[in-house]
Amino acid sequence: MLSTGLPQGSVPKLERPGPLRDRVYGALLELITTRALQPGQHLVESELAGHLGVSRQPVREALQRLNTEGWVDLRPAQGAFVHEPTDAEADQLLTVRTLLEAEAARLAAVHAGGDGVAALEALCAEGEKAVAADDVDAAVALNARFHAKVMELAGNAVLAELAGQVDRRVRWYYTPIARQRGRQSWVEHRELIAAITDRDEQRATELMRQHTEHTRTSYHARQRA
């Protein structure tokens, strides 16, 4: 195990087509958002290059891009570190997420058909199984897929594009509280599905607002603990 501290089997394979620097960027971003690389962790170019089986140059380029996007902090004479989000950053992002997803829930209640509702129910069932098995990684991934499906059912491409811009950061903040939210998160998903099925726009909006607010308050509570 190298001092970068990556869990066994956590390093993505660089098999997708495209420029190497983009593939390295994608791999490092995935490691950060899943918290295989923890906030505040020192990122050593040579060690990351060894993990990914590449030279140091694409790693350096990827770290510079991640720094520009706020995922990594480059400190003079110290090197690169995974960014540690402040309470204010988390609050601002999760507040925006609440606005976007509440509107998506309302629109989903207007537009979703039987197939869409069935897809939400299937994802919810998978999520409940993941929680029962204490599989946090699967629960986080399924939570993201559930919310993405609601956004898809909303049928608003601009709204979906905006939500996509914050999706990775939402996963980043949600991962450390996934176990804490546990089954209750999926109970709330079930309630939302019922509102969408009934085409109750107001209820769907309020349920999604409450659901995303629970995530925000749970994150802040964890930070204070």
Protein backbone atom coordinates (compact mmCIF):
# COMPACT_ATOMS: atom_id res chain seq x y z
CA MET A 1 0.00 0.00 0.00
CA LEU A 2 1.44 3.35 -1.02
CA SER A 3 1.18 6.35 1.26
CA THR A 4 -1.55 7.82 -0.92
CA GLY A 5 -3.75 5.46 1.10
CA LEU A 6 -6.09 4.18 -1.59
CA PRO A 7 -8.29 1.26 -0.52
CA GLN A 8 -7.60 -2.05 -2.22
CA GLY A 9 -9.44 -2.27 -5.55
CA SER A 10 -10.54 1.38 -5.53
CA VAL A 11 -8.45 2.60 -8.47
CA PRO A 12 -10.50 2.91 -11.68
CA LYS A 13 -9.15 1.27 -14.82
CA LEU A 14 -8.13 3.70 -17.56
CA GLU A 15 -9.72 1.79 -20.41
CA ARG A 16 -12.12 4.37 -21.80
CA PRO A 17 -11.20 6.09 -25.09
CA GLY A 18 -10.05 9.70 -25.13
CA PRO A 19 -6.94 11.72 -24.28
CA LEU A 20 -4.92 10.24 -21.43
CA ARG A 21 -5.03 13.46 -19.41
CA ASP A 22 -8.84 13.39 -19.52
CA ARG A 23 -8.95 9.77 -18.42
CA VAL A 24 -6.57 10.46 -15.53
CA TYR A 25 -8.67 13.48 -14.57
CA GLY A 26 -11.82 11.34 -14.56
CA ALA A 27 -10.17 8.63 -12.48
CA LEU A 28 -8.89 11.09 -9.88
CA LEU A 29 -12.22 12.89 -9.72
CA GLU A 30 -13.98 9.57 -9.11
CA LEU A 31 -11.52 8.75 -6.31
CA ILE A 32 -12.18 12.13 -4.70
CA THR A 33 -15.97 12.11 -4.99
CA THR A 34 -16.20 8.58 -3.57
CA ARG A 35 -13.77 9.63 -0.81
CA ALA A 36 -11.26 6.93 -1.61
CA LEU A 37 -9.06 10.03 -1.49
CA GLN A 38 -10.10 11.89 1.64
CA PRO A 39 -10.45 15.68 2.11
CA GLY A 40 -7.11 17.07 3.22
CA GLN A 41 -5.15 14.08 1.91
CA HIS A 42 -1.76 14.78 0.35
CA LEU A 43 -1.65 13.84 -3.34
CA VAL A 44 1.81 12.76 -4.47
CA GLU A 45 2.19 12.83 -8.26
CA SER A 46 4.58 9.87 -8.45
CA GLU A 47 2.39 7.67 -6.26
CA LEU A 48 -0.78 8.52 -8.15
CA ALA A 49 1.01 7.85 -11.43
CA GLY A 50 2.06 4.46 -10.09
CA HIS A 51 -1.48 3.60 -9.01
CA LEU A 52 -2.88 4.55 -12.41
CA GLY A 53 -0.04 3.11 -14.49
CA VAL A 54 0.80 6.38 -16.24
CA SER A 55 3.61 8.94 -16.25
CA ARG A 56 3.60 11.95 -13.93
CA GLN A 57 2.74 14.45 -16.68
CA PRO A 58 -0.96 13.57 -17.14
CA VAL A 59 -1.32 13.38 -13.36
CA ARG A 60 0.17 16.87 -13.03
CA GLU A 61 -2.19 18.18 -15.72
CA ALA A 62 -5.18 16.52 -14.04
CA LEU A 63 -4.27 17.99 -10.65
CA GLN A 64 -4.04 21.46 -12.16
CA ARG A 65 -7.50 21.06 -13.69
CA LEU A 66 -8.91 19.73 -10.42
CA ASN A 67 -7.39 22.71 -8.65
CA THR A 68 -9.12 25.08 -11.07
CA GLU A 69 -12.44 23.35 -10.40
CA GLY A 70 -12.01 23.44 -6.62
CA TRP A 71 -11.48 19.74 -5.96
CA VAL A 72 -7.77 20.04 -5.17
CA ASP A 73 -5.68 22.70 -3.44
CA LEU A 74 -2.18 23.35 -4.81
CA ARG A 75 -0.03 24.79 -2.01
CA PRO A 76 3.34 26.41 -2.77
CA ALA A 77 6.28 24.30 -1.57
CA GLN A 78 3.86 21.67 -0.17
CA GLY A 79 2.15 20.08 -3.13
CA ALA A 80 -1.42 19.03 -3.90
CA PHE A 81 -4.10 18.21 -1.34
CA VAL A 82 -7.71 17.11 -1.67
CA HIS A 83 -9.83 20.18 -0.95
CA GLU A 84 -11.53 20.32 2.44
CA PRO A 85 -14.97 21.90 1.94
CA THR A 86 -16.01 24.61 4.36
CA ASP A 87 -19.41 24.68 6.02
CA ALA A 88 -20.33 27.65 3.85
CA GLU A 89 -19.43 25.82 0.63
CA ALA A 90 -21.48 22.79 1.61
CA ASP A 91 -24.42 24.92 2.67
CA GLN A 92 -24.46 26.91 -0.55
CA LEU A 93 -24.26 23.86 -2.78
CA LEU A 94 -26.86 21.83 -0.89
CA THR A 95 -29.21 24.82 -0.82
CA VAL A 96 -28.97 25.09 -4.61
CA ARG A 97 -29.52 21.36 -4.87
CA THR A 98 -32.76 21.71 -2.87
CA LEU A 99 -34.08 24.34 -5.28
CA LEU A 100 -33.24 22.30 -8.38
CA GLU A 101 -34.54 18.99 -7.11
CA ALA A 102 -37.75 20.37 -5.63
CA GLU A 103 -38.65 21.75 -9.06
CA ALA A 104 -37.64 18.45 -10.69
CA ALA A 105 -39.99 16.58 -8.35
CA ARG A 106 -42.85 18.92 -9.24
CA LEU A 107 -42.28 18.44 -12.96
CA ALA A 108 -41.91 14.67 -12.54
CA ALA A 109 -45.35 14.62 -10.92
CA VAL A 110 -46.67 16.32 -14.05
CA HIS A 111 -44.89 14.24 -16.68
CA ALA A 112 -43.97 10.82 -15.27
CA GLY A 113 -45.77 7.83 -16.75
CA GLY A 114 -46.09 4.27 -15.54
CA ASP A 115 -42.69 3.21 -16.86
CA GLY A 116 -41.00 6.11 -15.09
CA VAL A 117 -42.67 5.33 -11.79
CA ALA A 118 -41.72 1.66 -12.16
CA ALA A 119 -38.09 2.67 -12.72
CA LEU A 120 -38.14 4.75 -9.52
CA GLU A 121 -39.64 1.85 -7.59
CA ALA A 122 -36.98 -0.53 -8.88
CA LEU A 123 -34.18 1.84 -7.87
CA CYS A 124 -35.77 2.30 -4.46
CA ALA A 125 -35.92 -1.46 -3.93
CA GLU A 126 -32.24 -1.77 -4.85
CA GLY A 127 -31.37 1.06 -2.48
CA GLU A 128 -33.24 -0.57 0.38
CA LYS A 129 -31.33 -3.80 -0.23
CA ALA A 130 -28.02 -1.90 -0.21
CA VAL A 131 -28.88 -0.28 3.11
CA ALA A 132 -29.92 -3.63 4.59
CA ALA A 133 -26.58 -5.08 3.48
CA ASP A 134 -24.72 -2.02 4.88
CA ASP A 135 -23.23 -1.47 1.41
CA VAL A 136 -22.58 2.27 1.64
CA ASP A 137 -20.95 2.59 -1.79
CA ALA A 138 -23.92 0.94 -3.49
CA ALA A 139 -26.39 3.02 -1.47
CA VAL A 140 -24.64 6.25 -2.49
CA ALA A 141 -24.57 5.24 -6.16
CA LEU A 142 -28.22 4.19 -6.11
CA ASN A 143 -29.22 7.40 -4.35
CA ALA A 144 -27.55 9.36 -7.16
CA ARG A 145 -29.31 7.22 -9.79
CA PHE A 146 -32.68 7.73 -8.08
CA HIS A 147 -32.32 11.51 -8.06
CA ALA A 148 -31.04 11.48 -11.64
CA LYS A 149 -34.13 9.51 -12.68
CA VAL A 150 -36.44 12.04 -11.05
CA MET A 151 -34.55 14.74 -12.94
CA GLU A 152 -34.94 12.79 -16.19
CA LEU A 153 -38.68 12.37 -15.62
CA ALA A 154 -38.99 16.12 -15.09
CA GLY A 155 -38.32 16.54 -18.81
CA ASN A 156 -36.48 19.85 -18.53
CA ALA A 157 -33.08 19.72 -20.26
CA VAL A 158 -31.83 23.00 -18.77
CA LEU A 159 -32.75 21.90 -15.26
CA ALA A 160 -31.01 18.56 -15.85
CA GLU A 161 -27.87 20.31 -17.10
CA LEU A 162 -27.70 22.51 -14.00
CA ALA A 163 -28.29 19.53 -11.72
CA GLY A 164 -25.53 17.63 -13.51
CA GLN A 165 -23.08 20.37 -12.66
CA VAL A 166 -23.62 19.85 -8.93
CA ASP A 167 -24.18 16.08 -8.95
CA ARG A 168 -20.60 15.03 -8.16
CA ARG A 169 -20.32 17.48 -5.31
CA VAL A 170 -23.64 16.30 -3.90
CA ARG A 171 -22.27 12.74 -3.90
CA TRP A 172 -19.12 14.03 -2.21
CA TYR A 173 -21.13 15.55 0.63
CA TYR A 174 -23.61 12.67 0.83
CA THR A 175 -21.10 9.81 1.09
CA PRO A 176 -20.00 10.43 4.72
CA ILE A 177 -23.61 10.63 5.94
CA ALA A 178 -25.06 7.80 3.85
CA ARG A 179 -24.97 5.33 6.72
CA GLN A 180 -26.44 7.89 9.10
CA ARG A 181 -29.32 8.66 6.73
CA GLY A 182 -29.69 4.94 6.08
CA ARG A 183 -33.17 3.50 5.70
CA GLN A 184 -34.91 6.82 6.40
CA SER A 185 -33.62 8.24 3.13
CA TRP A 186 -35.33 5.45 1.21
CA VAL A 187 -38.54 5.82 3.24
CA GLU A 188 -38.57 9.42 1.99
CA HIS A 189 -37.95 8.19 -1.55
CA ARG A 190 -40.99 5.90 -1.25
CA GLU A 191 -43.14 8.84 -0.13
CA LEU A 192 -41.91 10.86 -3.09
CA ILE A 193 -42.77 8.06 -5.52
CA ALA A 194 -46.30 7.98 -4.12
CA ALA A 195 -46.70 11.73 -4.66
CA ILE A 196 -45.39 11.47 -8.23
CA THR A 197 -47.72 8.53 -8.90
CA ASP A 198 -50.68 10.59 -7.62
CA ARG A 199 -49.56 13.54 -9.77
CA ASP A 200 -49.57 15.68 -6.65
CA GLU A 201 -47.21 18.50 -7.65
CA GLN A 202 -47.38 20.34 -4.33
CA ARG A 203 -46.79 17.22 -2.26
CA ALA A 204 -43.91 16.05 -4.47
CA THR A 205 -42.28 19.48 -4.25
CA GLU A 206 -42.55 19.63 -0.48
CA LEU A 207 -41.35 16.05 0.04
CA MET A 208 -38.27 16.62 -2.11
CA ARG A 209 -37.55 19.89 -0.35
CA GLN A 210 -37.74 18.17 3.04
CA HIS A 211 -35.68 15.23 1.79
CA THR A 212 -32.81 17.35 0.51
CA GLU A 213 -32.94 19.58 3.60
CA HIS A 214 -32.51 16.47 5.75
CA THR A 215 -29.30 15.73 3.85
CA ARG A 216 -28.07 19.27 4.39
CA THR A 217 -28.79 19.30 8.13
CA SER A 218 -27.29 15.81 8.55
CA TYR A 219 -24.09 16.96 6.86
CA HIS A 220 -23.76 19.96 9.14
CA ALA A 221 -24.57 17.87 12.19
CA ARG A 222 -21.77 15.48 11.26
CA GLN A 223 -19.36 18.40 10.86
CA ARG A 224 -20.17 19.60 14.39
CA ALA A 225 -19.94 16.14 15.96
